[in-house]
Amino acid sequence: MLLAATGDVGGAAAAASRAVAEHDRGAMPFERARTVLLLGQLQRRLRTKEPASARLHQALAVFEELNVPLWADRARAELVRANVGPRRTGDLTPSEQRVAELAASGMKNRDVATALFISPKTVEANLARIYRKLGIKSRAELGRHMRSPGGVSCRETPDSRGALDE
């Protein structure tokens, strides 16, 4: 996790893979599942979505078997974000939905970034995609669109309020 926090996502994924191998030698299923969840998150960030999805499904199965609902919910939220299926072009992802809601509330990009633990550049990139998908050109239009009946459509997900770490 420290390697990922310092920007070395590839190194973090390699370390997590080694940690999973070490967990395979012991009898601590919860700790192994937490490490597998971390590995899936890192693989998703590296844009290797199929392996990430497989790891996240593994972690979810263990968390459900151990009856640990908070960790199972966390794994489900990661699975949503690692979704490898087709997307309908007009729908916002859960991440885009959160950025749109905060931006429409009047927050500045820097404040949105701070609230979601992402960079201001990531907020800008999300807003560009949101504007393109919704066919709008300004934050004022976004605010009107969000307040209109029906508002912005978001892909249906089990948990579209998970943390954003892109």
N, C-alpha and C. Protein backbone atom coordinates (compact mmCIF):
# COMPACT_ATOMS: atom_id res chain seq x y z
N MET A 1 0.84 -1.19 0.00
CA MET A 1 0.00 0.00 0.00
C MET A 1 0.88 1.24 0.00
N LEU A 2 2.01 1.18 0.67
CA LEU A 2 2.91 2.32 0.70
C LEU A 2 3.46 2.61 -0.69
N LEU A 3 3.84 1.58 -1.41
CA LEU A 3 4.34 1.77 -2.77
C LEU A 3 3.27 2.43 -3.65
N ALA A 4 2.04 2.00 -3.54
CA ALA A 4 0.96 2.59 -4.34
C ALA A 4 0.74 4.04 -3.94
N ALA A 5 0.82 4.33 -2.66
CA ALA A 5 0.62 5.70 -2.19
C ALA A 5 1.70 6.64 -2.71
N THR A 6 2.89 6.11 -2.96
CA THR A 6 3.98 6.94 -3.49
C THR A 6 4.01 6.95 -5.01
N GLY A 7 3.04 6.29 -5.64
CA GLY A 7 2.94 6.32 -7.10
C GLY A 7 3.48 5.11 -7.81
N ASP A 8 4.09 4.17 -7.10
CA ASP A 8 4.65 2.97 -7.73
C ASP A 8 3.60 1.86 -7.72
N VAL A 9 2.59 1.99 -8.56
CA VAL A 9 1.49 1.03 -8.58
C VAL A 9 1.97 -0.33 -9.07
N GLY A 10 2.87 -0.33 -10.06
CA GLY A 10 3.41 -1.60 -10.56
C GLY A 10 4.19 -2.34 -9.48
N GLY A 11 5.03 -1.62 -8.75
CA GLY A 11 5.78 -2.22 -7.66
C GLY A 11 4.86 -2.72 -6.56
N ALA A 12 3.80 -1.94 -6.30
CA ALA A 12 2.83 -2.34 -5.29
C ALA A 12 2.12 -3.63 -5.71
N ALA A 13 1.77 -3.74 -6.98
CA ALA A 13 1.09 -4.95 -7.47
C ALA A 13 2.03 -6.16 -7.35
N ALA A 14 3.30 -5.97 -7.66
CA ALA A 14 4.26 -7.07 -7.53
C ALA A 14 4.39 -7.49 -6.07
N ALA A 15 4.47 -6.52 -5.18
CA ALA A 15 4.57 -6.83 -3.75
C ALA A 15 3.30 -7.54 -3.26
N ALA A 16 2.14 -7.09 -3.73
CA ALA A 16 0.88 -7.72 -3.32
C ALA A 16 0.81 -9.16 -3.85
N SER A 17 1.33 -9.40 -5.05
CA SER A 17 1.36 -10.76 -5.60
C SER A 17 2.23 -11.66 -4.73
N ARG A 18 3.37 -11.14 -4.30
CA ARG A 18 4.24 -11.92 -3.41
C ARG A 18 3.55 -12.18 -2.08
N ALA A 19 2.82 -11.19 -1.59
CA ALA A 19 2.12 -11.34 -0.31
C ALA A 19 1.02 -12.41 -0.42
N VAL A 20 0.31 -12.44 -1.55
CA VAL A 20 -0.72 -13.46 -1.75
C VAL A 20 -0.06 -14.84 -1.73
N ALA A 21 1.10 -14.97 -2.38
CA ALA A 21 1.81 -16.26 -2.38
C ALA A 21 2.19 -16.67 -0.96
N GLU A 22 2.61 -15.71 -0.15
CA GLU A 22 2.94 -16.01 1.24
C GLU A 22 1.69 -16.42 2.02
N HIS A 23 0.58 -15.75 1.78
CA HIS A 23 -0.67 -16.10 2.46
C HIS A 23 -1.13 -17.51 2.08
N ASP A 24 -0.80 -17.95 0.86
CA ASP A 24 -1.19 -19.29 0.43
C ASP A 24 -0.56 -20.37 1.30
N ARG A 25 0.56 -20.03 1.95
CA ARG A 25 1.24 -21.01 2.80
C ARG A 25 0.66 -21.07 4.20
N GLY A 26 -0.21 -20.14 4.55
CA GLY A 26 -0.78 -20.11 5.90
C GLY A 26 -2.27 -20.36 5.89
N ALA A 27 -2.86 -20.30 7.07
CA ALA A 27 -4.29 -20.56 7.22
C ALA A 27 -4.98 -19.32 7.79
N MET A 28 -4.94 -18.24 7.04
CA MET A 28 -5.57 -16.99 7.47
C MET A 28 -6.41 -16.45 6.31
N PRO A 29 -7.59 -17.02 6.08
CA PRO A 29 -8.36 -16.66 4.89
C PRO A 29 -8.76 -15.19 4.82
N PHE A 30 -9.08 -14.58 5.96
CA PHE A 30 -9.47 -13.17 5.94
C PHE A 30 -8.31 -12.29 5.50
N GLU A 31 -7.13 -12.52 6.07
CA GLU A 31 -5.96 -11.72 5.71
C GLU A 31 -5.60 -11.94 4.24
N ARG A 32 -5.71 -13.18 3.77
CA ARG A 32 -5.43 -13.45 2.36
C ARG A 32 -6.42 -12.71 1.48
N ALA A 33 -7.70 -12.72 1.84
CA ALA A 33 -8.72 -12.06 1.03
C ALA A 33 -8.49 -10.54 1.00
N ARG A 34 -8.06 -9.97 2.11
CA ARG A 34 -7.74 -8.53 2.12
C ARG A 34 -6.61 -8.22 1.16
N THR A 35 -5.60 -9.10 1.13
CA THR A 35 -4.47 -8.90 0.23
C THR A 35 -4.90 -9.10 -1.22
N VAL A 36 -5.76 -10.08 -1.46
CA VAL A 36 -6.27 -10.30 -2.82
C VAL A 36 -7.10 -9.10 -3.27
N LEU A 37 -7.88 -8.53 -2.37
CA LEU A 37 -8.64 -7.32 -2.68
C LEU A 37 -7.69 -6.20 -3.08
N LEU A 38 -6.63 -5.99 -2.31
CA LEU A 38 -5.65 -4.96 -2.63
C LEU A 38 -5.03 -5.22 -4.00
N LEU A 39 -4.67 -6.46 -4.27
CA LEU A 39 -4.08 -6.80 -5.57
C LEU A 39 -5.07 -6.49 -6.70
N GLY A 40 -6.33 -6.82 -6.50
CA GLY A 40 -7.35 -6.50 -7.51
C GLY A 40 -7.48 -5.01 -7.73
N GLN A 41 -7.43 -4.23 -6.66
CA GLN A 41 -7.50 -2.77 -6.78
C GLN A 41 -6.31 -2.25 -7.58
N LEU A 42 -5.13 -2.77 -7.28
CA LEU A 42 -3.92 -2.33 -7.98
C LEU A 42 -3.96 -2.73 -9.46
N GLN A 43 -4.43 -3.94 -9.73
CA GLN A 43 -4.54 -4.37 -11.13
C GLN A 43 -5.54 -3.51 -11.89
N ARG A 44 -6.62 -3.11 -11.23
CA ARG A 44 -7.59 -2.23 -11.87
C ARG A 44 -6.94 -0.90 -12.20
N ARG A 45 -6.16 -0.38 -11.26
CA ARG A 45 -5.48 0.90 -11.50
C ARG A 45 -4.46 0.79 -12.61
N LEU A 46 -3.90 -0.41 -12.81
CA LEU A 46 -2.97 -0.64 -13.91
C LEU A 46 -3.69 -0.94 -15.23
N ARG A 47 -5.02 -0.91 -15.17
CA ARG A 47 -5.89 -1.13 -16.32
C ARG A 47 -5.81 -2.57 -16.86
N THR A 48 -5.50 -3.52 -15.99
CA THR A 48 -5.60 -4.94 -16.34
C THR A 48 -6.89 -5.43 -15.71
N LYS A 49 -7.99 -5.09 -16.36
CA LYS A 49 -9.31 -5.24 -15.73
C LYS A 49 -9.76 -6.69 -15.58
N GLU A 50 -9.44 -7.56 -16.54
CA GLU A 50 -9.88 -8.95 -16.41
C GLU A 50 -9.21 -9.64 -15.22
N PRO A 51 -7.87 -9.54 -15.08
CA PRO A 51 -7.26 -10.13 -13.87
C PRO A 51 -7.75 -9.45 -12.59
N ALA A 52 -7.96 -8.14 -12.65
CA ALA A 52 -8.47 -7.43 -11.48
C ALA A 52 -9.84 -7.96 -11.10
N SER A 53 -10.70 -8.15 -12.08
CA SER A 53 -12.04 -8.65 -11.82
C SER A 53 -11.98 -10.04 -11.20
N ALA A 54 -11.09 -10.90 -11.70
CA ALA A 54 -10.96 -12.25 -11.16
C ALA A 54 -10.52 -12.21 -9.69
N ARG A 55 -9.55 -11.37 -9.38
CA ARG A 55 -9.07 -11.25 -8.00
C ARG A 55 -10.17 -10.70 -7.09
N LEU A 56 -10.89 -9.70 -7.57
CA LEU A 56 -11.95 -9.09 -6.76
C LEU A 56 -13.07 -10.09 -6.50
N HIS A 57 -13.39 -10.93 -7.48
CA HIS A 57 -14.39 -11.98 -7.28
C HIS A 57 -13.91 -12.98 -6.22
N GLN A 58 -12.60 -13.32 -6.26
CA GLN A 58 -12.04 -14.23 -5.26
C GLN A 58 -12.21 -13.65 -3.85
N ALA A 59 -11.83 -12.39 -3.71
CA ALA A 59 -11.93 -11.74 -2.39
C ALA A 59 -13.38 -11.68 -1.93
N LEU A 60 -14.28 -11.31 -2.83
CA LEU A 60 -15.70 -11.23 -2.49
C LEU A 60 -16.22 -12.57 -1.99
N ALA A 61 -15.87 -13.64 -2.67
CA ALA A 61 -16.34 -14.97 -2.27
C ALA A 61 -15.90 -15.31 -0.85
N VAL A 62 -14.65 -14.99 -0.51
CA VAL A 62 -14.16 -15.28 0.83
C VAL A 62 -14.86 -14.41 1.87
N PHE A 63 -15.00 -13.12 1.57
CA PHE A 63 -15.67 -12.23 2.52
C PHE A 63 -17.11 -12.66 2.77
N GLU A 64 -17.79 -13.11 1.72
CA GLU A 64 -19.17 -13.58 1.89
C GLU A 64 -19.19 -14.87 2.70
N GLU A 65 -18.25 -15.78 2.42
CA GLU A 65 -18.17 -17.05 3.15
C GLU A 65 -17.89 -16.81 4.63
N LEU A 66 -17.04 -15.82 4.92
CA LEU A 66 -16.69 -15.51 6.31
C LEU A 66 -17.72 -14.60 6.97
N ASN A 67 -18.73 -14.20 6.21
CA ASN A 67 -19.80 -13.33 6.71
C ASN A 67 -19.23 -12.01 7.26
N VAL A 68 -18.47 -11.32 6.38
CA VAL A 68 -17.88 -10.02 6.72
C VAL A 68 -18.49 -9.00 5.75
N PRO A 69 -19.69 -8.50 6.05
CA PRO A 69 -20.42 -7.69 5.08
C PRO A 69 -19.73 -6.39 4.68
N LEU A 70 -19.05 -5.72 5.58
CA LEU A 70 -18.38 -4.46 5.20
C LEU A 70 -17.29 -4.70 4.16
N TRP A 71 -16.51 -5.75 4.36
CA TRP A 71 -15.46 -6.07 3.40
C TRP A 71 -16.07 -6.59 2.10
N ALA A 72 -17.16 -7.34 2.17
CA ALA A 72 -17.83 -7.81 0.96
C ALA A 72 -18.35 -6.62 0.16
N ASP A 73 -18.92 -5.63 0.84
CA ASP A 73 -19.40 -4.43 0.15
C ASP A 73 -18.25 -3.68 -0.52
N ARG A 74 -17.12 -3.64 0.15
CA ARG A 74 -15.95 -2.98 -0.43
C ARG A 74 -15.49 -3.70 -1.69
N ALA A 75 -15.49 -5.02 -1.66
CA ALA A 75 -15.11 -5.81 -2.83
C ALA A 75 -16.12 -5.60 -3.97
N ARG A 76 -17.41 -5.55 -3.63
CA ARG A 76 -18.44 -5.30 -4.65
C ARG A 76 -18.25 -3.93 -5.31
N ALA A 77 -17.95 -2.93 -4.50
CA ALA A 77 -17.73 -1.58 -5.04
C ALA A 77 -16.54 -1.57 -5.99
N GLU A 78 -15.50 -2.30 -5.65
CA GLU A 78 -14.34 -2.39 -6.55
C GLU A 78 -14.69 -3.13 -7.83
N LEU A 79 -15.52 -4.16 -7.71
CA LEU A 79 -15.95 -4.89 -8.90
C LEU A 79 -16.72 -3.99 -9.86
N VAL A 80 -17.55 -3.12 -9.31
CA VAL A 80 -18.30 -2.17 -10.13
C VAL A 80 -17.32 -1.29 -10.90
N ARG A 81 -16.29 -0.84 -10.22
CA ARG A 81 -15.33 0.06 -10.84
C ARG A 81 -14.45 -0.67 -11.85
N ALA A 82 -14.27 -1.96 -11.68
CA ALA A 82 -13.47 -2.75 -12.61
C ALA A 82 -14.33 -3.35 -13.71
N ASN A 83 -15.58 -2.93 -13.79
CA ASN A 83 -16.54 -3.48 -14.74
C ASN A 83 -15.93 -3.55 -16.13
N VAL A 84 -15.88 -4.77 -16.69
CA VAL A 84 -15.29 -4.96 -18.01
C VAL A 84 -16.35 -5.11 -19.09
N GLY A 85 -17.61 -5.03 -18.70
CA GLY A 85 -18.69 -5.18 -19.67
C GLY A 85 -18.88 -3.93 -20.51
N PRO A 86 -19.75 -4.02 -21.50
CA PRO A 86 -20.01 -2.86 -22.35
C PRO A 86 -20.72 -1.76 -21.58
N ARG A 87 -20.45 -0.53 -21.96
CA ARG A 87 -21.11 0.61 -21.32
C ARG A 87 -21.97 1.32 -22.34
N ARG A 88 -23.10 1.79 -21.86
CA ARG A 88 -23.93 2.62 -22.71
C ARG A 88 -23.32 4.00 -22.70
N THR A 89 -23.20 4.63 -23.85
CA THR A 89 -22.42 5.86 -23.98
C THR A 89 -22.95 7.03 -23.19
N GLY A 90 -24.26 7.17 -23.00
CA GLY A 90 -24.80 8.32 -22.31
C GLY A 90 -24.79 8.22 -20.80
N ASP A 91 -24.47 7.06 -20.26
CA ASP A 91 -24.51 6.86 -18.82
C ASP A 91 -23.22 7.31 -18.17
N LEU A 92 -23.34 7.87 -17.00
CA LEU A 92 -22.16 8.25 -16.22
C LEU A 92 -21.74 7.08 -15.35
N THR A 93 -20.44 6.92 -15.20
CA THR A 93 -19.93 5.92 -14.28
C THR A 93 -20.18 6.42 -12.86
N PRO A 94 -20.07 5.55 -11.87
CA PRO A 94 -20.24 6.02 -10.49
C PRO A 94 -19.26 7.15 -10.13
N SER A 95 -18.04 7.04 -10.61
CA SER A 95 -17.05 8.09 -10.33
C SER A 95 -17.47 9.41 -10.96
N GLU A 96 -17.90 9.35 -12.21
CA GLU A 96 -18.36 10.57 -12.90
C GLU A 96 -19.59 11.14 -12.21
N GLN A 97 -20.46 10.28 -11.74
CA GLN A 97 -21.67 10.73 -11.06
C GLN A 97 -21.32 11.53 -9.81
N ARG A 98 -20.35 11.02 -9.02
CA ARG A 98 -19.96 11.74 -7.80
C ARG A 98 -19.33 13.08 -8.14
N VAL A 99 -18.47 13.11 -9.16
CA VAL A 99 -17.85 14.37 -9.57
C VAL A 99 -18.92 15.34 -10.04
N ALA A 100 -19.87 14.86 -10.85
CA ALA A 100 -20.94 15.72 -11.37
C ALA A 100 -21.78 16.31 -10.23
N GLU A 101 -22.11 15.48 -9.26
CA GLU A 101 -22.93 15.97 -8.14
C GLU A 101 -22.22 17.07 -7.36
N LEU A 102 -20.93 16.86 -7.08
CA LEU A 102 -20.19 17.85 -6.31
C LEU A 102 -19.95 19.12 -7.12
N ALA A 103 -19.62 18.96 -8.40
CA ALA A 103 -19.40 20.14 -9.25
C ALA A 103 -20.69 20.93 -9.41
N ALA A 104 -21.80 20.24 -9.56
CA ALA A 104 -23.09 20.91 -9.73
C ALA A 104 -23.52 21.62 -8.45
N SER A 105 -23.00 21.18 -7.31
CA SER A 105 -23.37 21.83 -6.04
C SER A 105 -22.66 23.17 -5.86
N GLY A 106 -21.74 23.49 -6.78
CA GLY A 106 -21.04 24.77 -6.71
C GLY A 106 -19.61 24.67 -6.21
N MET A 107 -19.14 23.47 -5.93
CA MET A 107 -17.77 23.31 -5.45
C MET A 107 -16.77 23.59 -6.58
N LYS A 108 -15.62 24.12 -6.22
CA LYS A 108 -14.53 24.34 -7.18
C LYS A 108 -13.84 23.00 -7.42
N ASN A 109 -13.13 22.89 -8.55
CA ASN A 109 -12.43 21.65 -8.88
C ASN A 109 -11.51 21.20 -7.76
N ARG A 110 -10.79 22.13 -7.16
CA ARG A 110 -9.86 21.78 -6.09
C ARG A 110 -10.61 21.20 -4.89
N ASP A 111 -11.79 21.77 -4.59
CA ASP A 111 -12.59 21.27 -3.47
C ASP A 111 -13.17 19.89 -3.77
N VAL A 112 -13.60 19.69 -5.02
CA VAL A 112 -14.10 18.36 -5.42
C VAL A 112 -12.98 17.34 -5.29
N ALA A 113 -11.79 17.71 -5.76
CA ALA A 113 -10.63 16.81 -5.68
C ALA A 113 -10.32 16.44 -4.24
N THR A 114 -10.35 17.42 -3.36
CA THR A 114 -10.08 17.16 -1.95
C THR A 114 -11.14 16.24 -1.34
N ALA A 115 -12.39 16.50 -1.67
CA ALA A 115 -13.48 15.70 -1.11
C ALA A 115 -13.41 14.24 -1.55
N LEU A 116 -12.95 14.00 -2.79
CA LEU A 116 -12.92 12.65 -3.33
C LEU A 116 -11.53 12.00 -3.29
N PHE A 117 -10.55 12.71 -2.72
CA PHE A 117 -9.19 12.18 -2.62
C PHE A 117 -8.60 11.87 -3.99
N ILE A 118 -8.79 12.78 -4.92
CA ILE A 118 -8.22 12.66 -6.26
C ILE A 118 -7.54 13.98 -6.60
N SER A 119 -6.87 14.03 -7.75
CA SER A 119 -6.19 15.26 -8.14
C SER A 119 -7.15 16.18 -8.88
N PRO A 120 -6.86 17.48 -8.87
CA PRO A 120 -7.69 18.41 -9.66
C PRO A 120 -7.71 18.06 -11.15
N LYS A 121 -6.61 17.51 -11.67
CA LYS A 121 -6.56 17.09 -13.08
C LYS A 121 -7.55 15.95 -13.34
N THR A 122 -7.70 15.05 -12.38
CA THR A 122 -8.66 13.95 -12.53
C THR A 122 -10.08 14.51 -12.54
N VAL A 123 -10.33 15.53 -11.71
CA VAL A 123 -11.64 16.18 -11.72
C VAL A 123 -11.90 16.79 -13.09
N GLU A 124 -10.90 17.50 -13.64
CA GLU A 124 -11.05 18.12 -14.96
C GLU A 124 -11.34 17.07 -16.03
N ALA A 125 -10.62 15.95 -15.99
CA ALA A 125 -10.83 14.89 -16.99
C ALA A 125 -12.24 14.30 -16.86
N ASN A 126 -12.67 14.08 -15.61
CA ASN A 126 -14.03 13.57 -15.39
C ASN A 126 -15.07 14.55 -15.91
N LEU A 127 -14.88 15.84 -15.63
CA LEU A 127 -15.85 16.84 -16.09
C LEU A 127 -15.89 16.89 -17.62
N ALA A 128 -14.75 16.75 -18.27
CA ALA A 128 -14.74 16.75 -19.74
C ALA A 128 -15.57 15.59 -20.28
N ARG A 129 -15.41 14.39 -19.68
CA ARG A 129 -16.20 13.23 -20.11
C ARG A 129 -17.68 13.44 -19.82
N ILE A 130 -17.98 14.01 -18.64
CA ILE A 130 -19.37 14.26 -18.25
C ILE A 130 -20.03 15.21 -19.24
N TYR A 131 -19.35 16.32 -19.54
CA TYR A 131 -19.90 17.30 -20.48
C TYR A 131 -20.15 16.66 -21.84
N ARG A 132 -19.20 15.85 -22.31
CA ARG A 132 -19.34 15.19 -23.61
C ARG A 132 -20.53 14.23 -23.60
N LYS A 133 -20.63 13.42 -22.55
CA LYS A 133 -21.72 12.43 -22.47
C LYS A 133 -23.09 13.09 -22.40
N LEU A 134 -23.16 14.21 -21.67
CA LEU A 134 -24.45 14.87 -21.48
C LEU A 134 -24.76 15.92 -22.55
N GLY A 135 -23.77 16.20 -23.40
CA GLY A 135 -23.98 17.19 -24.46
C GLY A 135 -24.13 18.60 -23.91
N ILE A 136 -23.37 18.91 -22.87
CA ILE A 136 -23.43 20.26 -22.28
C ILE A 136 -22.05 20.90 -22.37
N LYS A 137 -21.99 22.20 -22.09
CA LYS A 137 -20.73 22.92 -22.25
C LYS A 137 -20.28 23.72 -21.04
N SER A 138 -21.09 23.75 -19.98
CA SER A 138 -20.70 24.58 -18.83
C SER A 138 -21.16 23.96 -17.52
N ARG A 139 -20.58 24.46 -16.46
CA ARG A 139 -20.97 24.01 -15.13
C ARG A 139 -22.39 24.45 -14.79
N ALA A 140 -22.79 25.60 -15.31
CA ALA A 140 -24.16 26.07 -15.08
C ALA A 140 -25.16 25.09 -15.72
N GLU A 141 -24.85 24.64 -16.95
CA GLU A 141 -25.72 23.65 -17.59
C GLU A 141 -25.73 22.35 -16.80
N LEU A 142 -24.58 21.98 -16.25
CA LEU A 142 -24.50 20.77 -15.43
C LEU A 142 -25.42 20.90 -14.22
N GLY A 143 -25.39 22.05 -13.57
CA GLY A 143 -26.26 22.29 -12.41
C GLY A 143 -27.73 22.17 -12.78
N ARG A 144 -28.11 22.77 -13.91
CA ARG A 144 -29.51 22.68 -14.35
C ARG A 144 -29.87 21.23 -14.68
N HIS A 145 -28.96 20.52 -15.32
CA HIS A 145 -29.21 19.13 -15.71
C HIS A 145 -29.37 18.24 -14.47
N MET A 146 -28.55 18.49 -13.45
CA MET A 146 -28.61 17.67 -12.24
C MET A 146 -29.90 17.93 -11.46
N ARG A 147 -30.42 19.16 -11.53
CA ARG A 147 -31.65 19.49 -10.79
C ARG A 147 -32.91 19.12 -11.55
N SER A 148 -32.79 18.83 -12.85
CA SER A 148 -33.98 18.52 -13.64
C SER A 148 -34.52 17.15 -13.25
N PRO A 149 -35.83 16.92 -13.44
CA PRO A 149 -36.40 15.61 -13.12
C PRO A 149 -35.69 14.53 -13.93
N GLY A 150 -35.29 13.51 -13.27
CA GLY A 150 -34.53 12.45 -13.93
C GLY A 150 -33.04 12.68 -13.82
N GLY A 151 -32.62 13.93 -13.82
CA GLY A 151 -31.22 14.29 -13.65
C GLY A 151 -30.29 13.51 -14.54
N VAL A 152 -29.13 13.20 -14.02
CA VAL A 152 -28.11 12.47 -14.76
C VAL A 152 -28.31 10.99 -14.53
N SER A 153 -28.24 10.22 -15.61
CA SER A 153 -28.36 8.78 -15.44
C SER A 153 -27.00 8.21 -15.08
N CYS A 154 -27.02 7.30 -14.17
CA CYS A 154 -25.81 6.60 -13.74
C CYS A 154 -26.05 5.13 -13.96
N ARG A 155 -25.02 4.41 -14.41
CA ARG A 155 -25.18 2.97 -14.56
C ARG A 155 -25.64 2.38 -13.26
N GLU A 156 -26.59 1.47 -13.32
CA GLU A 156 -27.09 0.82 -12.11
C GLU A 156 -25.98 -0.02 -11.52
N THR A 157 -25.69 0.21 -10.25
CA THR A 157 -24.62 -0.52 -9.58
C THR A 157 -25.07 -0.89 -8.19
N PRO A 158 -24.48 -1.95 -7.62
CA PRO A 158 -24.84 -2.30 -6.26
C PRO A 158 -24.40 -1.22 -5.27
N ASP A 159 -23.29 -0.54 -5.57
CA ASP A 159 -22.81 0.50 -4.66
C ASP A 159 -22.10 1.56 -5.49
N SER A 160 -22.79 2.63 -5.80
CA SER A 160 -22.17 3.67 -6.58
C SER A 160 -21.62 4.78 -5.71
N ARG A 161 -21.45 4.50 -4.42
CA ARG A 161 -20.89 5.49 -3.51
C ARG A 161 -19.51 5.09 -3.00
N GLY A 162 -18.86 4.14 -3.63
CA GLY A 162 -17.55 3.69 -3.16
C GLY A 162 -16.50 4.77 -3.32
N ALA A 163 -15.34 4.58 -2.76
CA ALA A 163 -14.27 5.55 -2.84
C ALA A 163 -13.76 5.65 -4.26
N LEU A 164 -13.21 6.79 -4.59
CA LEU A 164 -12.69 7.03 -5.92
C LEU A 164 -11.20 7.14 -5.84
N ASP A 165 -10.45 6.24 -6.48
CA ASP A 165 -9.02 6.39 -6.47
C ASP A 165 -8.46 6.10 -7.85
N GLU A 166 -8.66 7.06 -8.67
CA GLU A 166 -8.15 6.96 -10.04
C GLU A 166 -7.02 7.91 -10.21
